Amino acid sequence: MYTLYCVSRCKKHKKSPFEKALQNDRPRTEKALLMIQRLYAVERRARQEQLAADRIKELRLTESLPVINQLGKWIFEEIKSTLPKS
């Protein structure tokens, strides 16, 4: 659960580098930001519906975790195909 907690609480810090990257690589950056927005939507839903802790955990496992996994796999694939600039 640490990963889900970290993403739900720390995703604001993850978003900033992507926003800066819009200037350099708009297509990839937009794809990453769309996935991050999906995570925000799950958290917003939990807050709006005032879900209990056990329901929030279930919601994160069923809706956030697949997005986190997709984002991680996508980043890994992109790293393999992205050459360093130096």
PDB file of N, CA and C in Angstrom:
ATOM      1  N   MET A   1       0.808  -1.200   0.000  1.00  0.00           N
ATOM      2  CA  MET A   1       0.000   0.000   0.000  1.00  0.00           C
ATOM      3  C   MET A   1       0.849   1.261   0.000  1.00  0.00           C
ATOM      4  N   TYR A   2       2.124   1.170   0.343  1.00  0.00           N
ATOM      5  CA  TYR A   2       2.947   2.364   0.363  1.00  0.00           C
ATOM      6  C   TYR A   2       2.954   3.057  -0.995  1.00  0.00           C
ATOM      7  N   THR A   3       3.053   2.300  -2.061  1.00  0.00           N
ATOM      8  CA  THR A   3       3.085   2.893  -3.397  1.00  0.00           C
ATOM      9  C   THR A   3       1.812   3.667  -3.682  1.00  0.00           C
ATOM     10  N   LEU A   4       0.672   3.091  -3.388  1.00  0.00           N
ATOM     11  CA  LEU A   4      -0.587   3.799  -3.618  1.00  0.00           C
ATOM     12  C   LEU A   4      -0.677   5.046  -2.751  1.00  0.00           C
ATOM     13  N   TYR A   5      -0.233   4.929  -1.504  1.00  0.00           N
ATOM     14  CA  TYR A   5      -0.274   6.093  -0.618  1.00  0.00           C
ATOM     15  C   TYR A   5       0.635   7.190  -1.157  1.00  0.00           C
ATOM     16  N   CYS A   6       1.835   6.806  -1.546  1.00  0.00           N
ATOM     17  CA  CYS A   6       2.784   7.789  -2.047  1.00  0.00           C
ATOM     18  C   CYS A   6       2.235   8.486  -3.288  1.00  0.00           C
ATOM     19  N   VAL A   7       1.686   7.727  -4.203  1.00  0.00           N
ATOM     20  CA  VAL A   7       1.146   8.330  -5.424  1.00  0.00           C
ATOM     21  C   VAL A   7      -0.017   9.239  -5.095  1.00  0.00           C
ATOM     22  N   SER A   8      -0.879   8.802  -4.218  1.00  0.00           N
ATOM     23  CA  SER A   8      -2.044   9.627  -3.908  1.00  0.00           C
ATOM     24  C   SER A   8      -1.660  10.899  -3.165  1.00  0.00           C
ATOM     25  N   ARG A   9      -0.600  10.857  -2.399  1.00  0.00           N
ATOM     26  CA  ARG A   9      -0.197  12.025  -1.609  1.00  0.00           C
ATOM     27  C   ARG A   9       0.907  12.838  -2.281  1.00  0.00           C
ATOM     28  N   CYS A  10       1.722  12.221  -3.117  1.00  0.00           N
ATOM     29  CA  CYS A  10       2.909  12.884  -3.651  1.00  0.00           C
ATOM     30  C   CYS A  10       2.828  13.173  -5.143  1.00  0.00           C
ATOM     31  N   LYS A  11       1.721  12.897  -5.773  1.00  0.00           N
ATOM     32  CA  LYS A  11       1.667  13.036  -7.219  1.00  0.00           C
ATOM     33  C   LYS A  11       1.852  14.473  -7.693  1.00  0.00           C
ATOM     34  N   LYS A  12       1.571  15.428  -6.820  1.00  0.00           N
ATOM     35  CA  LYS A  12       1.787  16.822  -7.199  1.00  0.00           C
ATOM     36  C   LYS A  12       3.261  17.055  -7.525  1.00  0.00           C
ATOM     37  N   HIS A  13       4.135  16.419  -6.777  1.00  0.00           N
ATOM     38  CA  HIS A  13       5.558  16.573  -7.017  1.00  0.00           C
ATOM     39  C   HIS A  13       5.985  15.846  -8.294  1.00  0.00           C
ATOM     40  N   LYS A  14       5.284  14.810  -8.665  1.00  0.00           N
ATOM     41  CA  LYS A  14       5.599  14.074  -9.887  1.00  0.00           C
ATOM     42  C   LYS A  14       5.149  14.854 -11.119  1.00  0.00           C
ATOM     43  N   LYS A  15       4.134  15.640 -10.990  1.00  0.00           N
ATOM     44  CA  LYS A  15       3.560  16.320 -12.143  1.00  0.00           C
ATOM     45  C   LYS A  15       4.452  17.453 -12.644  1.00  0.00           C
ATOM     46  N   SER A  16       5.095  18.165 -11.765  1.00  0.00           N
ATOM     47  CA  SER A  16       5.864  19.345 -12.129  1.00  0.00           C
ATOM     48  C   SER A  16       6.896  19.097 -13.231  1.00  0.00           C
ATOM     49  N   PRO A  17       7.738  18.057 -13.151  1.00  0.00           N
ATOM     50  CA  PRO A  17       8.700  17.833 -14.235  1.00  0.00           C
ATOM     51  C   PRO A  17       8.013  17.571 -15.579  1.00  0.00           C
ATOM     52  N   PHE A  18       6.852  16.919 -15.546  1.00  0.00           N
ATOM     53  CA  PHE A  18       6.130  16.679 -16.794  1.00  0.00           C
ATOM     54  C   PHE A  18       5.644  17.990 -17.394  1.00  0.00           C
ATOM     55  N   GLU A  19       5.193  18.893 -16.541  1.00  0.00           N
ATOM     56  CA  GLU A  19       4.726  20.181 -17.049  1.00  0.00           C
ATOM     57  C   GLU A  19       5.865  20.944 -17.699  1.00  0.00           C
ATOM     58  N   LYS A  20       7.041  20.883 -17.113  1.00  0.00           N
ATOM     59  CA  LYS A  20       8.216  21.543 -17.690  1.00  0.00           C
ATOM     60  C   LYS A  20       8.612  20.892 -19.008  1.00  0.00           C
ATOM     61  N   ALA A  21       8.383  19.604 -19.123  1.00  0.00           N
ATOM     62  CA  ALA A  21       8.772  18.867 -20.324  1.00  0.00           C
ATOM     63  C   ALA A  21       7.884  19.179 -21.527  1.00  0.00           C
ATOM     64  N   LEU A  22       6.757  19.812 -21.307  1.00  0.00           N
ATOM     65  CA  LEU A  22       5.868  20.150 -22.424  1.00  0.00           C
ATOM     66  C   LEU A  22       6.594  20.929 -23.512  1.00  0.00           C
ATOM     67  N   GLN A  23       7.538  21.733 -23.120  1.00  0.00           N
ATOM     68  CA  GLN A  23       8.282  22.539 -24.085  1.00  0.00           C
ATOM     69  C   GLN A  23       9.178  21.681 -24.966  1.00  0.00           C
ATOM     70  N   ASN A  24       9.674  20.565 -24.439  1.00  0.00           N
ATOM     71  CA  ASN A  24      10.648  19.741 -25.161  1.00  0.00           C
ATOM     72  C   ASN A  24      10.042  18.571 -25.917  1.00  0.00           C
ATOM     73  N   ASP A  25       8.989  17.976 -25.365  1.00  0.00           N
ATOM     74  CA  ASP A  25       8.427  16.763 -25.972  1.00  0.00           C
ATOM     75  C   ASP A  25       6.938  16.688 -25.664  1.00  0.00           C
ATOM     76  N   ARG A  26       6.179  17.485 -26.361  1.00  0.00           N
ATOM     77  CA  ARG A  26       4.752  17.622 -26.089  1.00  0.00           C
ATOM     78  C   ARG A  26       3.982  16.299 -26.173  1.00  0.00           C
ATOM     79  N   PRO A  27       4.132  15.469 -27.195  1.00  0.00           N
ATOM     80  CA  PRO A  27       3.307  14.243 -27.281  1.00  0.00           C
ATOM     81  C   PRO A  27       3.490  13.303 -26.088  1.00  0.00           C
ATOM     82  N   ARG A  28       4.733  13.041 -25.720  1.00  0.00           N
ATOM     83  CA  ARG A  28       4.965  12.137 -24.591  1.00  0.00           C
ATOM     84  C   ARG A  28       4.518  12.765 -23.281  1.00  0.00           C
ATOM     85  N   THR A  29       4.779  14.032 -23.144  1.00  0.00           N
ATOM     86  CA  THR A  29       4.396  14.725 -21.912  1.00  0.00           C
ATOM     87  C   THR A  29       2.884  14.724 -21.737  1.00  0.00           C
ATOM     88  N   GLU A  30       2.156  14.987 -22.799  1.00  0.00           N
ATOM     89  CA  GLU A  30       0.697  15.000 -22.713  1.00  0.00           C
ATOM     90  C   GLU A  30       0.160  13.625 -22.345  1.00  0.00           C
ATOM     91  N   LYS A  31       0.772  12.575 -22.892  1.00  0.00           N
ATOM     92  CA  LYS A  31       0.328  11.220 -22.551  1.00  0.00           C
ATOM     93  C   LYS A  31       0.523  10.953 -21.057  1.00  0.00           C
ATOM     94  N   ALA A  32       1.673  11.328 -20.535  1.00  0.00           N
ATOM     95  CA  ALA A  32       1.948  11.128 -19.107  1.00  0.00           C
ATOM     96  C   ALA A  32       0.975  11.944 -18.253  1.00  0.00           C
ATOM     97  N   LEU A  33       0.744  13.185 -18.636  1.00  0.00           N
ATOM     98  CA  LEU A  33      -0.162  14.025 -17.866  1.00  0.00           C
ATOM     99  C   LEU A  33      -1.589  13.492 -17.883  1.00  0.00           C
ATOM    100  N   LEU A  34      -2.011  12.908 -18.984  1.00  0.00           N
ATOM    101  CA  LEU A  34      -3.353  12.312 -19.034  1.00  0.00           C
ATOM    102  C   LEU A  34      -3.484  11.165 -18.035  1.00  0.00           C
ATOM    103  N   MET A  35      -2.432  10.354 -17.933  1.00  0.00           N
ATOM    104  CA  MET A  35      -2.478   9.262 -16.960  1.00  0.00           C
ATOM    105  C   MET A  35      -2.492   9.807 -15.536  1.00  0.00           C
ATOM    106  N   ILE A  36      -1.719  10.850 -15.285  1.00  0.00           N
ATOM    107  CA  ILE A  36      -1.692  11.462 -13.961  1.00  0.00           C
ATOM    108  C   ILE A  36      -3.059  12.069 -13.637  1.00  0.00           C
ATOM    109  N   GLN A  37      -3.695  12.665 -14.630  1.00  0.00           N
ATOM    110  CA  GLN A  37      -5.035  13.222 -14.417  1.00  0.00           C
ATOM    111  C   GLN A  37      -6.031  12.140 -14.017  1.00  0.00           C
ATOM    112  N   ARG A  38      -5.851  10.931 -14.559  1.00  0.00           N
ATOM    113  CA  ARG A  38      -6.736   9.827 -14.175  1.00  0.00           C
ATOM    114  C   ARG A  38      -6.572   9.506 -12.695  1.00  0.00           C
ATOM    115  N   LEU A  39      -5.342   9.606 -12.186  1.00  0.00           N
ATOM    116  CA  LEU A  39      -5.107   9.374 -10.758  1.00  0.00           C
ATOM    117  C   LEU A  39      -5.773  10.467  -9.917  1.00  0.00           C
ATOM    118  N   TYR A  40      -5.655  11.693 -10.374  1.00  0.00           N
ATOM    119  CA  TYR A  40      -6.328  12.790  -9.678  1.00  0.00           C
ATOM    120  C   TYR A  40      -7.836  12.560  -9.649  1.00  0.00           C
ATOM    121  N   ALA A  41      -8.391  12.075 -10.736  1.00  0.00           N
ATOM    122  CA  ALA A  41      -9.838  11.856 -10.813  1.00  0.00           C
ATOM    123  C   ALA A  41     -10.302  10.834  -9.777  1.00  0.00           C
ATOM    124  N   VAL A  42      -9.507   9.800  -9.565  1.00  0.00           N
ATOM    125  CA  VAL A  42      -9.853   8.788  -8.558  1.00  0.00           C
ATOM    126  C   VAL A  42      -9.863   9.421  -7.168  1.00  0.00           C
ATOM    127  N   GLU A  43      -8.845  10.215  -6.873  1.00  0.00           N
ATOM    128  CA  GLU A  43      -8.782  10.868  -5.564  1.00  0.00           C
ATOM    129  C   GLU A  43      -9.922  11.872  -5.389  1.00  0.00           C
ATOM    130  N   ARG A  44     -10.241  12.597  -6.443  1.00  0.00           N
ATOM    131  CA  ARG A  44     -11.347  13.555  -6.382  1.00  0.00           C
ATOM    132  C   ARG A  44     -12.656  12.829  -6.105  1.00  0.00           C
ATOM    133  N   ARG A  45     -12.850  11.700  -6.764  1.00  0.00           N
ATOM    134  CA  ARG A  45     -14.066  10.909  -6.553  1.00  0.00           C
ATOM    135  C   ARG A  45     -14.173  10.447  -5.100  1.00  0.00           C
ATOM    136  N   ALA A  46     -13.054   9.960  -4.556  1.00  0.00           N
ATOM    137  CA  ALA A  46     -13.056   9.495  -3.158  1.00  0.00           C
ATOM    138  C   ALA A  46     -13.418  10.632  -2.210  1.00  0.00           C
ATOM    139  N   ARG A  47     -12.891  11.817  -2.485  1.00  0.00           N
ATOM    140  CA  ARG A  47     -13.180  12.974  -1.645  1.00  0.00           C
ATOM    141  C   ARG A  47     -14.632  13.421  -1.790  1.00  0.00           C
ATOM    142  N   GLN A  48     -15.105  13.504  -3.031  1.00  0.00           N
ATOM    143  CA  GLN A  48     -16.475  13.962  -3.270  1.00  0.00           C
ATOM    144  C   GLN A  48     -17.514  13.019  -2.678  1.00  0.00           C
ATOM    145  N   GLU A  49     -17.231  11.735  -2.772  1.00  0.00           N
ATOM    146  CA  GLU A  49     -18.172  10.753  -2.237  1.00  0.00           C
ATOM    147  C   GLU A  49     -17.961  10.500  -0.745  1.00  0.00           C
ATOM    148  N   GLN A  50     -16.966  11.155  -0.165  1.00  0.00           N
ATOM    149  CA  GLN A  50     -16.644  11.016   1.258  1.00  0.00           C
ATOM    150  C   GLN A  50     -16.568   9.544   1.658  1.00  0.00           C
ATOM    151  N   LEU A  51     -15.762   8.813   0.918  1.00  0.00           N
ATOM    152  CA  LEU A  51     -15.653   7.371   1.144  1.00  0.00           C
ATOM    153  C   LEU A  51     -14.883   7.067   2.423  1.00  0.00           C
ATOM    154  N   ALA A  52     -15.232   5.970   3.029  1.00  0.00           N
ATOM    155  CA  ALA A  52     -14.516   5.475   4.200  1.00  0.00           C
ATOM    156  C   ALA A  52     -13.152   4.954   3.757  1.00  0.00           C
ATOM    157  N   ALA A  53     -12.234   4.829   4.701  1.00  0.00           N
ATOM    158  CA  ALA A  53     -10.864   4.423   4.399  1.00  0.00           C
ATOM    159  C   ALA A  53     -10.802   3.090   3.655  1.00  0.00           C
ATOM    160  N   ASP A  54     -11.607   2.116   4.063  1.00  0.00           N
ATOM    161  CA  ASP A  54     -11.563   0.815   3.394  1.00  0.00           C
ATOM    162  C   ASP A  54     -12.060   0.910   1.955  1.00  0.00           C
ATOM    163  N   ARG A  55     -13.015   1.766   1.717  1.00  0.00           N
ATOM    164  CA  ARG A  55     -13.531   1.964   0.352  1.00  0.00           C
ATOM    165  C   ARG A  55     -12.522   2.729  -0.509  1.00  0.00           C
ATOM    166  N   ILE A  56     -11.807   3.678   0.099  1.00  0.00           N
ATOM    167  CA  ILE A  56     -10.761   4.405  -0.630  1.00  0.00           C
ATOM    168  C   ILE A  56      -9.660   3.432  -1.043  1.00  0.00           C
ATOM    169  N   LYS A  57      -9.289   2.559  -0.125  1.00  0.00           N
ATOM    170  CA  LYS A  57      -8.265   1.557  -0.434  1.00  0.00           C
ATOM    171  C   LYS A  57      -8.719   0.693  -1.602  1.00  0.00           C
ATOM    172  N   GLU A  58      -9.951   0.230  -1.570  1.00  0.00           N
ATOM    173  CA  GLU A  58     -10.494  -0.596  -2.647  1.00  0.00           C
ATOM    174  C   GLU A  58     -10.516   0.173  -3.968  1.00  0.00           C
ATOM    175  N   LEU A  59     -10.931   1.418  -3.914  1.00  0.00           N
ATOM    176  CA  LEU A  59     -10.985   2.255  -5.113  1.00  0.00           C
ATOM    177  C   LEU A  59      -9.591   2.445  -5.707  1.00  0.00           C
ATOM    178  N   ARG A  60      -8.615   2.692  -4.859  1.00  0.00           N
ATOM    179  CA  ARG A  60      -7.238   2.861  -5.337  1.00  0.00           C
ATOM    180  C   ARG A  60      -6.702   1.574  -5.950  1.00  0.00           C
ATOM    181  N   LEU A  61      -7.028   0.450  -5.319  1.00  0.00           N
ATOM    182  CA  LEU A  61      -6.549  -0.826  -5.858  1.00  0.00           C
ATOM    183  C   LEU A  61      -7.189  -1.148  -7.206  1.00  0.00           C
ATOM    184  N   THR A  62      -8.464  -0.837  -7.349  1.00  0.00           N
ATOM    185  CA  THR A  62      -9.155  -1.204  -8.584  1.00  0.00           C
ATOM    186  C   THR A  62      -9.001  -0.163  -9.691  1.00  0.00           C
ATOM    187  N   GLU A  63      -8.864   1.118  -9.333  1.00  0.00           N
ATOM    188  CA  GLU A  63      -8.816   2.151 -10.360  1.00  0.00           C
ATOM    189  C   GLU A  63      -7.462   2.836 -10.489  1.00  0.00           C
ATOM    190  N   SER A  64      -6.787   3.086  -9.391  1.00  0.00           N
ATOM    191  CA  SER A  64      -5.495   3.777  -9.467  1.00  0.00           C
ATOM    192  C   SER A  64      -4.348   2.833  -9.811  1.00  0.00           C
ATOM    193  N   LEU A  65      -4.327   1.673  -9.193  1.00  0.00           N
ATOM    194  CA  LEU A  65      -3.208   0.757  -9.411  1.00  0.00           C
ATOM    195  C   LEU A  65      -3.009   0.390 -10.880  1.00  0.00           C
ATOM    196  N   PRO A  66      -4.060   0.087 -11.634  1.00  0.00           N
ATOM    197  CA  PRO A  66      -3.834  -0.198 -13.058  1.00  0.00           C
ATOM    198  C   PRO A  66      -3.228   0.992 -13.811  1.00  0.00           C
ATOM    199  N   VAL A  67      -3.610   2.198 -13.445  1.00  0.00           N
ATOM    200  CA  VAL A  67      -3.051   3.393 -14.090  1.00  0.00           C
ATOM    201  C   VAL A  67      -1.579   3.540 -13.708  1.00  0.00           C
ATOM    202  N   ILE A  68      -1.275   3.311 -12.436  1.00  0.00           N
ATOM    203  CA  ILE A  68       0.119   3.382 -11.986  1.00  0.00           C
ATOM    204  C   ILE A  68       0.971   2.362 -12.728  1.00  0.00           C
ATOM    205  N   ASN A  69       0.458   1.155 -12.850  1.00  0.00           N
ATOM    206  CA  ASN A  69       1.190   0.118 -13.583  1.00  0.00           C
ATOM    207  C   ASN A  69       1.379   0.490 -15.047  1.00  0.00           C
ATOM    208  N   GLN A  70       0.334   1.012 -15.663  1.00  0.00           N
ATOM    209  CA  GLN A  70       0.409   1.433 -17.065  1.00  0.00           C
ATOM    210  C   GLN A  70       1.440   2.550 -17.222  1.00  0.00           C
ATOM    211  N   LEU A  71       1.422   3.502 -16.331  1.00  0.00           N
ATOM    212  CA  LEU A  71       2.363   4.614 -16.385  1.00  0.00           C
ATOM    213  C   LEU A  71       3.796   4.111 -16.223  1.00  0.00           C
ATOM    214  N   GLY A  72       4.012   3.222 -15.281  1.00  0.00           N
ATOM    215  CA  GLY A  72       5.345   2.670 -15.060  1.00  0.00           C
ATOM    216  C   GLY A  72       5.868   1.916 -16.264  1.00  0.00           C
ATOM    217  N   LYS A  73       5.027   1.081 -16.861  1.00  0.00           N
ATOM    218  CA  LYS A  73       5.431   0.329 -18.055  1.00  0.00           C
ATOM    219  C   LYS A  73       5.732   1.275 -19.211  1.00  0.00           C
ATOM    220  N   TRP A  74       4.895   2.276 -19.372  1.00  0.00           N
ATOM    221  CA  TRP A  74       5.084   3.230 -20.456  1.00  0.00           C
ATOM    222  C   TRP A  74       6.399   3.992 -20.273  1.00  0.00           C
ATOM    223  N   ILE A  75       6.669   4.443 -19.050  1.00  0.00           N
ATOM    224  CA  ILE A  75       7.919   5.161 -18.782  1.00  0.00           C
ATOM    225  C   ILE A  75       9.111   4.260 -19.087  1.00  0.00           C
ATOM    226  N   PHE A  76       9.052   3.013 -18.657  1.00  0.00           N
ATOM    227  CA  PHE A  76      10.146   2.074 -18.904  1.00  0.00           C
ATOM    228  C   PHE A  76      10.399   1.919 -20.402  1.00  0.00           C
ATOM    229  N   GLU A  77       9.330   1.777 -21.180  1.00  0.00           N
ATOM    230  CA  GLU A  77       9.477   1.647 -22.632  1.00  0.00           C
ATOM    231  C   GLU A  77      10.049   2.928 -23.256  1.00  0.00           C
ATOM    232  N   GLU A  78       9.595   4.060 -22.769  1.00  0.00           N
ATOM    233  CA  GLU A  78      10.083   5.329 -23.305  1.00  0.00           C
ATOM    234  C   GLU A  78      11.553   5.538 -22.980  1.00  0.00           C
ATOM    235  N   ILE A  79      11.972   5.134 -21.798  1.00  0.00           N
ATOM    236  CA  ILE A  79      13.384   5.277 -21.420  1.00  0.00           C
ATOM    237  C   ILE A  79      14.258   4.470 -22.367  1.00  0.00           C
ATOM    238  N   LYS A  80      13.816   3.270 -22.719  1.00  0.00           N
ATOM    239  CA  LYS A  80      14.591   2.425 -23.620  1.00  0.00           C
ATOM    240  C   LYS A  80      14.761   3.052 -25.007  1.00  0.00           C
ATOM    241  N   SER A  81      13.783   3.831 -25.435  1.00  0.00           N
ATOM    242  CA  SER A  81      13.829   4.389 -26.790  1.00  0.00           C
ATOM    243  C   SER A  81      14.262   5.853 -26.838  1.00  0.00           C
ATOM    244  N   THR A  82      14.611   6.406 -25.692  1.00  0.00           N
ATOM    245  CA  THR A  82      15.014   7.798 -25.634  1.00  0.00           C
ATOM    246  C   THR A  82      16.514   7.884 -25.405  1.00  0.00           C
ATOM    247  N   LEU A  83      17.187   8.526 -26.307  1.00  0.00           N
ATOM    248  CA  LEU A  83      18.640   8.678 -26.182  1.00  0.00           C
ATOM    249  C   LEU A  83      18.973   9.891 -25.325  1.00  0.00           C
ATOM    250  N   PRO A  84      20.050   9.803 -24.556  1.00  0.00           N
ATOM    251  CA  PRO A  84      20.462  10.973 -23.776  1.00  0.00           C
ATOM    252  C   PRO A  84      20.899  12.107 -24.699  1.00  0.00           C
ATOM    253  N   LYS A  85      20.720  13.333 -24.260  1.00  0.00           N
ATOM    254  CA  LYS A  85      21.046  14.504 -25.075  1.00  0.00           C
ATOM    255  C   LYS A  85      22.540  14.826 -25.045  1.00  0.00           C
ATOM    256  N   SER A  86      23.279  14.267 -24.090  1.00  0.00           N
ATOM    257  CA  SER A  86      24.699  14.637 -23.989  1.00  0.00           C
ATOM    258  C   SER A  86      25.607  13.645 -24.663  1.00  0.00           C
TER     259      SER A  86
END
